[in-house]
Amino acid sequence: QAGDALATLAATQEPTAKMLASCAFAADDNLAEAHRLAASNPTLEMKALRAQLLMQMDRPELAEQLFHEMSVTDDDAAVTKITGALVHFGTGNYQESYLTYCDLQALYQ
C-alpha cells in the first residue's frame, strides 16, 4: 500500500510531492529511484537533494559536478552553499566545508 501511494505521489507534476516521494524512496534505501525522481525537476533544491543522494551512492565526482552547475545558476543561494559544504566534506576538503558553514552562520545569525 505504501509503495502504491509513493508511486502515485511520484507521478504528479508537483515539485513538493516529488521531493517528498524522493525522500521517502531514499529513506527506504532505494537511492536510484530517489535520484531519478529528483532529477526530473531542475530547481536548486532538487539539485541539492540529488547531490546528497549521489554522495550516499558513493559518487562524489558527480555530486561535485552538480554543485558546480548550482554555482553557475546561483552562487549566493544558501542551498548552493550548503551543498558545497556537503560536497567539500564528502571529498575530504574539511577545511573548506567548515569555512562554508562558518560563513553561513555569520550570514544568517
PDB file of N, CA and C in Angstrom:
ATOM      1  N   GLN A   1       0.822  -1.193   0.000  1.00  0.00           N
ATOM      2  CA  GLN A   1       0.000   0.000   0.000  1.00  0.00           C
ATOM      3  C   GLN A   1       0.860   1.248   0.000  1.00  0.00           C
ATOM      4  N   ALA A   2       1.886   1.260   0.824  1.00  0.00           N
ATOM      5  CA  ALA A   2       2.754   2.436   0.890  1.00  0.00           C
ATOM      6  C   ALA A   2       3.477   2.630  -0.437  1.00  0.00           C
ATOM      7  N   GLY A   3       3.869   1.543  -1.078  1.00  0.00           N
ATOM      8  CA  GLY A   3       4.539   1.636  -2.374  1.00  0.00           C
ATOM      9  C   GLY A   3       3.636   2.224  -3.432  1.00  0.00           C
ATOM     10  N   ASP A   4       2.353   1.832  -3.403  1.00  0.00           N
ATOM     11  CA  ASP A   4       1.393   2.391  -4.355  1.00  0.00           C
ATOM     12  C   ASP A   4       1.186   3.877  -4.114  1.00  0.00           C
ATOM     13  N   ALA A   5       1.120   4.267  -2.851  1.00  0.00           N
ATOM     14  CA  ALA A   5       0.953   5.678  -2.509  1.00  0.00           C
ATOM     15  C   ALA A   5       2.165   6.489  -2.973  1.00  0.00           C
ATOM     16  N   LEU A   6       3.364   5.933  -2.812  1.00  0.00           N
ATOM     17  CA  LEU A   6       4.568   6.619  -3.276  1.00  0.00           C
ATOM     18  C   LEU A   6       4.576   6.754  -4.789  1.00  0.00           C
ATOM     19  N   ALA A   7       4.162   5.722  -5.477  1.00  0.00           N
ATOM     20  CA  ALA A   7       4.122   5.772  -6.942  1.00  0.00           C
ATOM     21  C   ALA A   7       3.144   6.837  -7.412  1.00  0.00           C
ATOM     22  N   THR A   8       2.010   6.940  -6.750  1.00  0.00           N
ATOM     23  CA  THR A   8       1.020   7.964  -7.086  1.00  0.00           C
ATOM     24  C   THR A   8       1.581   9.354  -6.818  1.00  0.00           C
ATOM     25  N   LEU A   9       2.216   9.508  -5.686  1.00  0.00           N
ATOM     26  CA  LEU A   9       2.827  10.784  -5.321  1.00  0.00           C
ATOM     27  C   LEU A   9       3.917  11.169  -6.313  1.00  0.00           C
ATOM     28  N   ALA A  10       4.711  10.214  -6.711  1.00  0.00           N
ATOM     29  CA  ALA A  10       5.820  10.472  -7.635  1.00  0.00           C
ATOM     30  C   ALA A  10       5.335  10.818  -9.032  1.00  0.00           C
ATOM     31  N   ALA A  11       4.147  10.349  -9.399  1.00  0.00           N
ATOM     32  CA  ALA A  11       3.620  10.583 -10.745  1.00  0.00           C
ATOM     33  C   ALA A  11       3.086  11.995 -10.937  1.00  0.00           C
ATOM     34  N   THR A  12       2.919  12.741  -9.872  1.00  0.00           N
ATOM     35  CA  THR A  12       2.394  14.101 -10.010  1.00  0.00           C
ATOM     36  C   THR A  12       3.464  15.015 -10.581  1.00  0.00           C
ATOM     37  N   GLN A  13       3.054  16.179 -11.027  1.00  0.00           N
ATOM     38  CA  GLN A  13       3.999  17.177 -11.524  1.00  0.00           C
ATOM     39  C   GLN A  13       4.317  18.220 -10.453  1.00  0.00           C
ATOM     40  N   GLU A  14       3.771  18.053  -9.269  1.00  0.00           N
ATOM     41  CA  GLU A  14       4.006  18.973  -8.160  1.00  0.00           C
ATOM     42  C   GLU A  14       5.415  18.759  -7.603  1.00  0.00           C
ATOM     43  N   PRO A  15       6.269  19.787  -7.621  1.00  0.00           N
ATOM     44  CA  PRO A  15       7.654  19.616  -7.163  1.00  0.00           C
ATOM     45  C   PRO A  15       7.772  19.185  -5.698  1.00  0.00           C
ATOM     46  N   THR A  16       6.916  19.705  -4.849  1.00  0.00           N
ATOM     47  CA  THR A  16       6.985  19.330  -3.434  1.00  0.00           C
ATOM     48  C   THR A  16       6.645  17.855  -3.254  1.00  0.00           C
ATOM     49  N   ALA A  17       5.655  17.381  -3.988  1.00  0.00           N
ATOM     50  CA  ALA A  17       5.285  15.971  -3.913  1.00  0.00           C
ATOM     51  C   ALA A  17       6.419  15.089  -4.416  1.00  0.00           C
ATOM     52  N   LYS A  18       7.082  15.521  -5.478  1.00  0.00           N
ATOM     53  CA  LYS A  18       8.212  14.748  -5.999  1.00  0.00           C
ATOM     54  C   LYS A  18       9.362  14.715  -5.000  1.00  0.00           C
ATOM     55  N   MET A  19       9.591  15.842  -4.324  1.00  0.00           N
ATOM     56  CA  MET A  19      10.663  15.869  -3.336  1.00  0.00           C
ATOM     57  C   MET A  19      10.335  14.939  -2.170  1.00  0.00           C
ATOM     58  N   LEU A  20       9.104  14.970  -1.704  1.00  0.00           N
ATOM     59  CA  LEU A  20       8.699  14.089  -0.616  1.00  0.00           C
ATOM     60  C   LEU A  20       8.809  12.621  -1.021  1.00  0.00           C
ATOM     61  N   ALA A  21       8.373  12.313  -2.226  1.00  0.00           N
ATOM     62  CA  ALA A  21       8.467  10.933  -2.707  1.00  0.00           C
ATOM     63  C   ALA A  21       9.923  10.513  -2.835  1.00  0.00           C
ATOM     64  N   SER A  22      10.763  11.419  -3.330  1.00  0.00           N
ATOM     65  CA  SER A  22      12.187  11.118  -3.463  1.00  0.00           C
ATOM     66  C   SER A  22      12.813  10.857  -2.093  1.00  0.00           C
ATOM     67  N   CYS A  23      12.466  11.671  -1.110  1.00  0.00           N
ATOM     68  CA  CYS A  23      12.988  11.465   0.255  1.00  0.00           C
ATOM     69  C   CYS A  23      12.496  10.135   0.835  1.00  0.00           C
ATOM     70  N   ALA A  24      11.253   9.792   0.541  1.00  0.00           N
ATOM     71  CA  ALA A  24      10.710   8.520   1.037  1.00  0.00           C
ATOM     72  C   ALA A  24      11.439   7.336   0.402  1.00  0.00           C
ATOM     73  N   PHE A  25      11.710   7.417  -0.900  1.00  0.00           N
ATOM     74  CA  PHE A  25      12.467   6.348  -1.554  1.00  0.00           C
ATOM     75  C   PHE A  25      13.872   6.257  -0.965  1.00  0.00           C
ATOM     76  N   ALA A  26      14.487   7.407  -0.700  1.00  0.00           N
ATOM     77  CA  ALA A  26      15.836   7.405  -0.116  1.00  0.00           C
ATOM     78  C   ALA A  26      15.825   6.786   1.278  1.00  0.00           C
ATOM     79  N   ALA A  27      14.801   7.096   2.056  1.00  0.00           N
ATOM     80  CA  ALA A  27      14.700   6.530   3.401  1.00  0.00           C
ATOM     81  C   ALA A  27      14.513   5.012   3.349  1.00  0.00           C
ATOM     82  N   ASP A  28      13.946   4.537   2.244  1.00  0.00           N
ATOM     83  CA  ASP A  28      13.743   3.099   2.046  1.00  0.00           C
ATOM     84  C   ASP A  28      14.950   2.456   1.357  1.00  0.00           C
ATOM     85  N   ASP A  29      16.056   3.195   1.250  1.00  0.00           N
ATOM     86  CA  ASP A  29      17.299   2.738   0.606  1.00  0.00           C
ATOM     87  C   ASP A  29      17.144   2.446  -0.879  1.00  0.00           C
ATOM     88  N   ASN A  30      16.174   3.071  -1.510  1.00  0.00           N
ATOM     89  CA  ASN A  30      16.026   2.962  -2.954  1.00  0.00           C
ATOM     90  C   ASN A  30      16.592   4.253  -3.558  1.00  0.00           C
ATOM     91  N   LEU A  31      17.920   4.377  -3.489  1.00  0.00           N
ATOM     92  CA  LEU A  31      18.578   5.617  -3.881  1.00  0.00           C
ATOM     93  C   LEU A  31      18.483   5.898  -5.377  1.00  0.00           C
ATOM     94  N   ALA A  32      18.505   4.864  -6.188  1.00  0.00           N
ATOM     95  CA  ALA A  32      18.418   5.062  -7.638  1.00  0.00           C
ATOM     96  C   ALA A  32      17.079   5.681  -8.019  1.00  0.00           C
ATOM     97  N   GLU A  33      16.007   5.177  -7.448  1.00  0.00           N
ATOM     98  CA  GLU A  33      14.671   5.728  -7.738  1.00  0.00           C
ATOM     99  C   GLU A  33      14.539   7.127  -7.163  1.00  0.00           C
ATOM    100  N   ALA A  34      15.091   7.342  -5.984  1.00  0.00           N
ATOM    101  CA  ALA A  34      15.063   8.676  -5.377  1.00  0.00           C
ATOM    102  C   ALA A  34      15.792   9.677  -6.272  1.00  0.00           C
ATOM    103  N   HIS A  35      16.943   9.271  -6.797  1.00  0.00           N
ATOM    104  CA  HIS A  35      17.706  10.157  -7.683  1.00  0.00           C
ATOM    105  C   HIS A  35      16.964  10.414  -8.983  1.00  0.00           C
ATOM    106  N   ARG A  36      16.357   9.381  -9.538  1.00  0.00           N
ATOM    107  CA  ARG A  36      15.593   9.544 -10.785  1.00  0.00           C
ATOM    108  C   ARG A  36      14.481  10.565 -10.611  1.00  0.00           C
ATOM    109  N   LEU A  37      13.780  10.479  -9.497  1.00  0.00           N
ATOM    110  CA  LEU A  37      12.697  11.435  -9.228  1.00  0.00           C
ATOM    111  C   LEU A  37      13.236  12.847  -9.046  1.00  0.00           C
ATOM    112  N   ALA A  38      14.304  12.977  -8.288  1.00  0.00           N
ATOM    113  CA  ALA A  38      14.873  14.302  -8.030  1.00  0.00           C
ATOM    114  C   ALA A  38      15.409  14.923  -9.316  1.00  0.00           C
ATOM    115  N   ALA A  39      15.893  14.106 -10.226  1.00  0.00           N
ATOM    116  CA  ALA A  39      16.441  14.614 -11.482  1.00  0.00           C
ATOM    117  C   ALA A  39      15.366  15.142 -12.422  1.00  0.00           C
ATOM    118  N   SER A  40      14.119  14.835 -12.133  1.00  0.00           N
ATOM    119  CA  SER A  40      13.038  15.272 -13.027  1.00  0.00           C
ATOM    120  C   SER A  40      12.641  16.730 -12.790  1.00  0.00           C
ATOM    121  N   ASN A  41      13.261  17.381 -11.820  1.00  0.00           N
ATOM    122  CA  ASN A  41      12.936  18.778 -11.528  1.00  0.00           C
ATOM    123  C   ASN A  41      14.248  19.553 -11.392  1.00  0.00           C
ATOM    124  N   PRO A  42      14.442  20.621 -12.177  1.00  0.00           N
ATOM    125  CA  PRO A  42      15.746  21.298 -12.211  1.00  0.00           C
ATOM    126  C   PRO A  42      15.949  22.411 -11.173  1.00  0.00           C
ATOM    127  N   THR A  43      15.145  22.465 -10.122  1.00  0.00           N
ATOM    128  CA  THR A  43      15.312  23.526  -9.135  1.00  0.00           C
ATOM    129  C   THR A  43      16.583  23.308  -8.315  1.00  0.00           C
ATOM    130  N   LEU A  44      17.067  24.374  -7.689  1.00  0.00           N
ATOM    131  CA  LEU A  44      18.263  24.257  -6.855  1.00  0.00           C
ATOM    132  C   LEU A  44      18.057  23.277  -5.709  1.00  0.00           C
ATOM    133  N   GLU A  45      16.876  23.289  -5.128  1.00  0.00           N
ATOM    134  CA  GLU A  45      16.600  22.406  -4.004  1.00  0.00           C
ATOM    135  C   GLU A  45      16.664  20.936  -4.424  1.00  0.00           C
ATOM    136  N   MET A  46      16.123  20.643  -5.599  1.00  0.00           N
ATOM    137  CA  MET A  46      16.171  19.255  -6.080  1.00  0.00           C
ATOM    138  C   MET A  46      17.588  18.870  -6.481  1.00  0.00           C
ATOM    139  N   LYS A  47      18.349  19.827  -6.996  1.00  0.00           N
ATOM    140  CA  LYS A  47      19.749  19.533  -7.307  1.00  0.00           C
ATOM    141  C   LYS A  47      20.525  19.261  -6.020  1.00  0.00           C
ATOM    142  N   ALA A  48      20.195  19.988  -4.960  1.00  0.00           N
ATOM    143  CA  ALA A  48      20.845  19.740  -3.665  1.00  0.00           C
ATOM    144  C   ALA A  48      20.504  18.345  -3.157  1.00  0.00           C
ATOM    145  N   LEU A  49      19.257  17.947  -3.309  1.00  0.00           N
ATOM    146  CA  LEU A  49      18.858  16.596  -2.910  1.00  0.00           C
ATOM    147  C   LEU A  49      19.597  15.554  -3.743  1.00  0.00           C
ATOM    148  N   ARG A  50      19.717  15.820  -5.043  1.00  0.00           N
ATOM    149  CA  ARG A  50      20.458  14.899  -5.908  1.00  0.00           C
ATOM    150  C   ARG A  50      21.911  14.780  -5.464  1.00  0.00           C
ATOM    151  N   ALA A  51      22.524  15.910  -5.096  1.00  0.00           N
ATOM    152  CA  ALA A  51      23.920  15.879  -4.641  1.00  0.00           C
ATOM    153  C   ALA A  51      24.050  15.026  -3.388  1.00  0.00           C
ATOM    154  N   GLN A  52      23.111  15.188  -2.483  1.00  0.00           N
ATOM    155  CA  GLN A  52      23.144  14.376  -1.258  1.00  0.00           C
ATOM    156  C   GLN A  52      22.989  12.895  -1.598  1.00  0.00           C
ATOM    157  N   LEU A  53      22.072  12.598  -2.491  1.00  0.00           N
ATOM    158  CA  LEU A  53      21.861  11.201  -2.890  1.00  0.00           C
ATOM    159  C   LEU A  53      23.101  10.637  -3.575  1.00  0.00           C
ATOM    160  N   LEU A  54      23.735  11.440  -4.411  1.00  0.00           N
ATOM    161  CA  LEU A  54      24.951  10.987  -5.078  1.00  0.00           C
ATOM    162  C   LEU A  54      26.062  10.710  -4.072  1.00  0.00           C
ATOM    163  N   MET A  55      26.156  11.537  -3.045  1.00  0.00           N
ATOM    164  CA  MET A  55      27.147  11.287  -2.004  1.00  0.00           C
ATOM    165  C   MET A  55      26.838   9.974  -1.283  1.00  0.00           C
ATOM    166  N   GLN A  56      25.560   9.707  -1.033  1.00  0.00           N
ATOM    167  CA  GLN A  56      25.169   8.448  -0.393  1.00  0.00           C
ATOM    168  C   GLN A  56      25.452   7.255  -1.300  1.00  0.00           C
ATOM    169  N   MET A  57      25.405   7.486  -2.617  1.00  0.00           N
ATOM    170  CA  MET A  57      25.663   6.420  -3.586  1.00  0.00           C
ATOM    171  C   MET A  57      27.163   6.268  -3.850  1.00  0.00           C
ATOM    172  N   ASP A  58      27.974   7.011  -3.116  1.00  0.00           N
ATOM    173  CA  ASP A  58      29.425   6.968  -3.264  1.00  0.00           C
ATOM    174  C   ASP A  58      29.882   7.464  -4.634  1.00  0.00           C
ATOM    175  N   ARG A  59      29.258   8.552  -5.090  1.00  0.00           N
ATOM    176  CA  ARG A  59      29.609   9.172  -6.365  1.00  0.00           C
ATOM    177  C   ARG A  59      29.940  10.652  -6.153  1.00  0.00           C
ATOM    178  N   PRO A  60      30.998  10.948  -5.380  1.00  0.00           N
ATOM    179  CA  PRO A  60      31.326  12.345  -5.082  1.00  0.00           C
ATOM    180  C   PRO A  60      31.692  13.165  -6.310  1.00  0.00           C
ATOM    181  N   GLU A  61      32.247  12.521  -7.338  1.00  0.00           N
ATOM    182  CA  GLU A  61      32.619  13.273  -8.542  1.00  0.00           C
ATOM    183  C   GLU A  61      31.381  13.817  -9.253  1.00  0.00           C
ATOM    184  N   LEU A  62      30.291  13.052  -9.251  1.00  0.00           N
ATOM    185  CA  LEU A  62      29.043  13.527  -9.857  1.00  0.00           C
ATOM    186  C   LEU A  62      28.385  14.601  -8.992  1.00  0.00           C
ATOM    187  N   ALA A  63      28.481  14.433  -7.682  1.00  0.00           N
ATOM    188  CA  ALA A  63      27.942  15.454  -6.772  1.00  0.00           C
ATOM    189  C   ALA A  63      28.697  16.769  -6.948  1.00  0.00           C
ATOM    190  N   GLU A  64      29.998  16.669  -7.171  1.00  0.00           N
ATOM    191  CA  GLU A  64      30.808  17.870  -7.382  1.00  0.00           C
ATOM    192  C   GLU A  64      30.405  18.580  -8.675  1.00  0.00           C
ATOM    193  N   GLN A  65      30.162  17.820  -9.732  1.00  0.00           N
ATOM    194  CA  GLN A  65      29.694  18.409 -10.991  1.00  0.00           C
ATOM    195  C   GLN A  65      28.358  19.119 -10.790  1.00  0.00           C
ATOM    196  N   LEU A  66      27.479  18.489 -10.055  1.00  0.00           N
ATOM    197  CA  LEU A  66      26.169  19.072  -9.784  1.00  0.00           C
ATOM    198  C   LEU A  66      26.303  20.358  -8.970  1.00  0.00           C
ATOM    199  N   PHE A  67      27.209  20.356  -7.996  1.00  0.00           N
ATOM    200  CA  PHE A  67      27.459  21.557  -7.209  1.00  0.00           C
ATOM    201  C   PHE A  67      27.952  22.692  -8.106  1.00  0.00           C
ATOM    202  N   HIS A  68      28.813  22.381  -9.054  1.00  0.00           N
ATOM    203  CA  HIS A  68      29.301  23.424  -9.967  1.00  0.00           C
ATOM    204  C   HIS A  68      28.172  23.964 -10.842  1.00  0.00           C
ATOM    205  N   GLU A  69      27.266  23.111 -11.271  1.00  0.00           N
ATOM    206  CA  GLU A  69      26.077  23.566 -12.011  1.00  0.00           C
ATOM    207  C   GLU A  69      25.253  24.525 -11.154  1.00  0.00           C
ATOM    208  N   MET A  70      25.077  24.160  -9.896  1.00  0.00           N
ATOM    209  CA  MET A  70      24.311  25.008  -8.976  1.00  0.00           C
ATOM    210  C   MET A  70      25.003  26.348  -8.786  1.00  0.00           C
ATOM    211  N   SER A  71      26.325  26.342  -8.706  1.00  0.00           N
ATOM    212  CA  SER A  71      27.087  27.576  -8.508  1.00  0.00           C
ATOM    213  C   SER A  71      26.922  28.518  -9.688  1.00  0.00           C
ATOM    214  N   VAL A  72      26.849  27.961 -10.881  1.00  0.00           N
ATOM    215  CA  VAL A  72      26.642  28.789 -12.073  1.00  0.00           C
ATOM    216  C   VAL A  72      25.251  29.417 -12.028  1.00  0.00           C
ATOM    217  N   THR A  73      24.268  28.662 -11.575  1.00  0.00           N
ATOM    218  CA  THR A  73      22.891  29.155 -11.513  1.00  0.00           C
ATOM    219  C   THR A  73      22.740  30.243 -10.465  1.00  0.00           C
ATOM    220  N   ASP A  74      23.169  29.979  -9.235  1.00  0.00           N
ATOM    221  CA  ASP A  74      23.052  30.964  -8.144  1.00  0.00           C
ATOM    222  C   ASP A  74      24.085  30.649  -7.068  1.00  0.00           C
ATOM    223  N   ASP A  75      25.208  31.320  -7.178  1.00  0.00           N
ATOM    224  CA  ASP A  75      26.331  31.064  -6.276  1.00  0.00           C
ATOM    225  C   ASP A  75      26.054  31.532  -4.853  1.00  0.00           C
ATOM    226  N   ASP A  76      25.164  32.512  -4.691  1.00  0.00           N
ATOM    227  CA  ASP A  76      24.905  33.088  -3.373  1.00  0.00           C
ATOM    228  C   ASP A  76      23.762  32.427  -2.611  1.00  0.00           C
ATOM    229  N   ALA A  77      23.045  31.517  -3.233  1.00  0.00           N
ATOM    230  CA  ALA A  77      21.911  30.871  -2.562  1.00  0.00           C
ATOM    231  C   ALA A  77      22.405  29.999  -1.412  1.00  0.00           C
ATOM    232  N   ALA A  78      21.686  30.032  -0.313  1.00  0.00           N
ATOM    233  CA  ALA A  78      22.066  29.237   0.859  1.00  0.00           C
ATOM    234  C   ALA A  78      22.113  27.754   0.522  1.00  0.00           C
ATOM    235  N   VAL A  79      21.171  27.293  -0.277  1.00  0.00           N
ATOM    236  CA  VAL A  79      21.134  25.868  -0.618  1.00  0.00           C
ATOM    237  C   VAL A  79      22.378  25.479  -1.429  1.00  0.00           C
ATOM    238  N   THR A  80      22.867  26.381  -2.253  1.00  0.00           N
ATOM    239  CA  THR A  80      24.089  26.117  -3.016  1.00  0.00           C
ATOM    240  C   THR A  80      25.283  26.029  -2.075  1.00  0.00           C
ATOM    241  N   LYS A  81      25.344  26.937  -1.109  1.00  0.00           N
ATOM    242  CA  LYS A  81      26.453  26.932  -0.163  1.00  0.00           C
ATOM    243  C   LYS A  81      26.435  25.686   0.720  1.00  0.00           C
ATOM    244  N   ILE A  82      25.253  25.289   1.165  1.00  0.00           N
ATOM    245  CA  ILE A  82      25.142  24.084   1.990  1.00  0.00           C
ATOM    246  C   ILE A  82      25.549  22.849   1.182  1.00  0.00           C
ATOM    247  N   THR A  83      25.134  22.813  -0.078  1.00  0.00           N
ATOM    248  CA  THR A  83      25.524  21.703  -0.943  1.00  0.00           C
ATOM    249  C   THR A  83      27.034  21.688  -1.133  1.00  0.00           C
ATOM    250  N   GLY A  84      27.616  22.859  -1.286  1.00  0.00           N
ATOM    251  CA  GLY A  84      29.066  22.948  -1.415  1.00  0.00           C
ATOM    252  C   GLY A  84      29.770  22.410  -0.182  1.00  0.00           C
ATOM    253  N   ALA A  85      29.256  22.761   0.987  1.00  0.00           N
ATOM    254  CA  ALA A  85      29.850  22.260   2.233  1.00  0.00           C
ATOM    255  C   ALA A  85      29.751  20.737   2.292  1.00  0.00           C
ATOM    256  N   LEU A  86      28.618  20.192   1.879  1.00  0.00           N
ATOM    257  CA  LEU A  86      28.436  18.736   1.858  1.00  0.00           C
ATOM    258  C   LEU A  86      29.432  18.076   0.916  1.00  0.00           C
ATOM    259  N   VAL A  87      29.553  18.625  -0.279  1.00  0.00           N
ATOM    260  CA  VAL A  87      30.458  18.049  -1.277  1.00  0.00           C
ATOM    261  C   VAL A  87      31.911  18.165  -0.812  1.00  0.00           C
ATOM    262  N   HIS A  88      32.272  19.330  -0.270  1.00  0.00           N
ATOM    263  CA  HIS A  88      33.645  19.502   0.218  1.00  0.00           C
ATOM    264  C   HIS A  88      33.947  18.493   1.335  1.00  0.00           C
ATOM    265  N   PHE A  89      33.010  18.326   2.236  1.00  0.00           N
ATOM    266  CA  PHE A  89      33.207  17.373   3.332  1.00  0.00           C
ATOM    267  C   PHE A  89      33.345  15.953   2.780  1.00  0.00           C
ATOM    268  N   GLY A  90      32.477  15.612   1.838  1.00  0.00           N
ATOM    269  CA  GLY A  90      32.490  14.258   1.269  1.00  0.00           C
ATOM    270  C   GLY A  90      33.713  13.953   0.436  1.00  0.00           C
ATOM    271  N   THR A  91      34.361  14.989  -0.080  1.00  0.00           N
ATOM    272  CA  THR A  91      35.563  14.772  -0.886  1.00  0.00           C
ATOM    273  C   THR A  91      36.838  14.980  -0.074  1.00  0.00           C
ATOM    274  N   GLY A  92      36.685  15.182   1.239  1.00  0.00           N
ATOM    275  CA  GLY A  92      37.851  15.280   2.111  1.00  0.00           C
ATOM    276  C   GLY A  92      38.388  16.677   2.327  1.00  0.00           C
ATOM    277  N   ASN A  93      37.707  17.685   1.795  1.00  0.00           N
ATOM    278  CA  ASN A  93      38.150  19.071   1.976  1.00  0.00           C
ATOM    279  C   ASN A  93      37.423  19.649   3.197  1.00  0.00           C
ATOM    280  N   TYR A  94      37.816  19.181   4.372  1.00  0.00           N
ATOM    281  CA  TYR A  94      37.128  19.526   5.611  1.00  0.00           C
ATOM    282  C   TYR A  94      37.253  21.008   5.961  1.00  0.00           C
ATOM    283  N   GLN A  95      38.388  21.582   5.668  1.00  0.00           N
ATOM    284  CA  GLN A  95      38.623  22.998   5.973  1.00  0.00           C
ATOM    285  C   GLN A  95      37.635  23.879   5.202  1.00  0.00           C
ATOM    286  N   GLU A  96      37.478  23.615   3.917  1.00  0.00           N
ATOM    287  CA  GLU A  96      36.556  24.415   3.094  1.00  0.00           C
ATOM    288  C   GLU A  96      35.117  24.210   3.556  1.00  0.00           C
ATOM    289  N   SER A  97      34.783  22.999   3.923  1.00  0.00           N
ATOM    290  CA  SER A  97      33.445  22.714   4.435  1.00  0.00           C
ATOM    291  C   SER A  97      33.174  23.509   5.707  1.00  0.00           C
ATOM    292  N   TYR A  98      34.117  23.483   6.621  1.00  0.00           N
ATOM    293  CA  TYR A  98      33.991  24.223   7.887  1.00  0.00           C
ATOM    294  C   TYR A  98      33.842  25.723   7.627  1.00  0.00           C
ATOM    295  N   LEU A  99      34.667  26.262   6.740  1.00  0.00           N
ATOM    296  CA  LEU A  99      34.610  27.695   6.443  1.00  0.00           C
ATOM    297  C   LEU A  99      33.278  28.091   5.807  1.00  0.00           C
ATOM    298  N   THR A 100      32.737  27.219   4.978  1.00  0.00           N
ATOM    299  CA  THR A 100      31.427  27.488   4.362  1.00  0.00           C
ATOM    300  C   THR A 100      30.346  27.544   5.428  1.00  0.00           C
ATOM    301  N   TYR A 101      30.363  26.588   6.358  1.00  0.00           N
ATOM    302  CA  TYR A 101      29.379  26.606   7.441  1.00  0.00           C
ATOM    303  C   TYR A 101      29.551  27.847   8.315  1.00  0.00           C
ATOM    304  N   CYS A 102      30.781  28.265   8.560  1.00  0.00           N
ATOM    305  CA  CYS A 102      31.022  29.484   9.343  1.00  0.00           C
ATOM    306  C   CYS A 102      30.478  30.715   8.626  1.00  0.00           C
ATOM    307  N   ASP A 103      30.687  30.781   7.313  1.00  0.00           N
ATOM    308  CA  ASP A 103      30.153  31.894   6.521  1.00  0.00           C
ATOM    309  C   ASP A 103      28.627  31.929   6.584  1.00  0.00           C
ATOM    310  N   LEU A 104      28.011  30.776   6.463  1.00  0.00           N
ATOM    311  CA  LEU A 104      26.550  30.710   6.542  1.00  0.00           C
ATOM    312  C   LEU A 104      26.048  31.123   7.916  1.00  0.00           C
ATOM    313  N   GLN A 105      26.733  30.687   8.942  1.00  0.00           N
ATOM    314  CA  GLN A 105      26.338  31.034  10.306  1.00  0.00           C
ATOM    315  C   GLN A 105      26.428  32.536  10.507  1.00  0.00           C
ATOM    316  N   ALA A 106      27.491  33.161  10.020  1.00  0.00           N
ATOM    317  CA  ALA A 106      27.656  34.617  10.160  1.00  0.00           C
ATOM    318  C   ALA A 106      26.614  35.357   9.341  1.00  0.00           C
ATOM    319  N   LEU A 107      26.281  34.819   8.193  1.00  0.00           N
ATOM    320  CA  LEU A 107      25.327  35.479   7.299  1.00  0.00           C
ATOM    321  C   LEU A 107      23.895  35.423   7.841  1.00  0.00           C
ATOM    322  N   TYR A 108      23.531  34.328   8.460  1.00  0.00           N
ATOM    323  CA  TYR A 108      22.149  34.142   8.906  1.00  0.00           C
ATOM    324  C   TYR A 108      21.991  34.168  10.425  1.00  0.00           C
ATOM    325  N   GLN A 109      22.917  34.784  11.111  1.00  0.00           N
ATOM    326  CA  GLN A 109      22.877  34.858  12.571  1.00  0.00           C
ATOM    327  C   GLN A 109      21.792  35.797  13.035  1.00  0.00           C
TER     328      GLN A 109
END
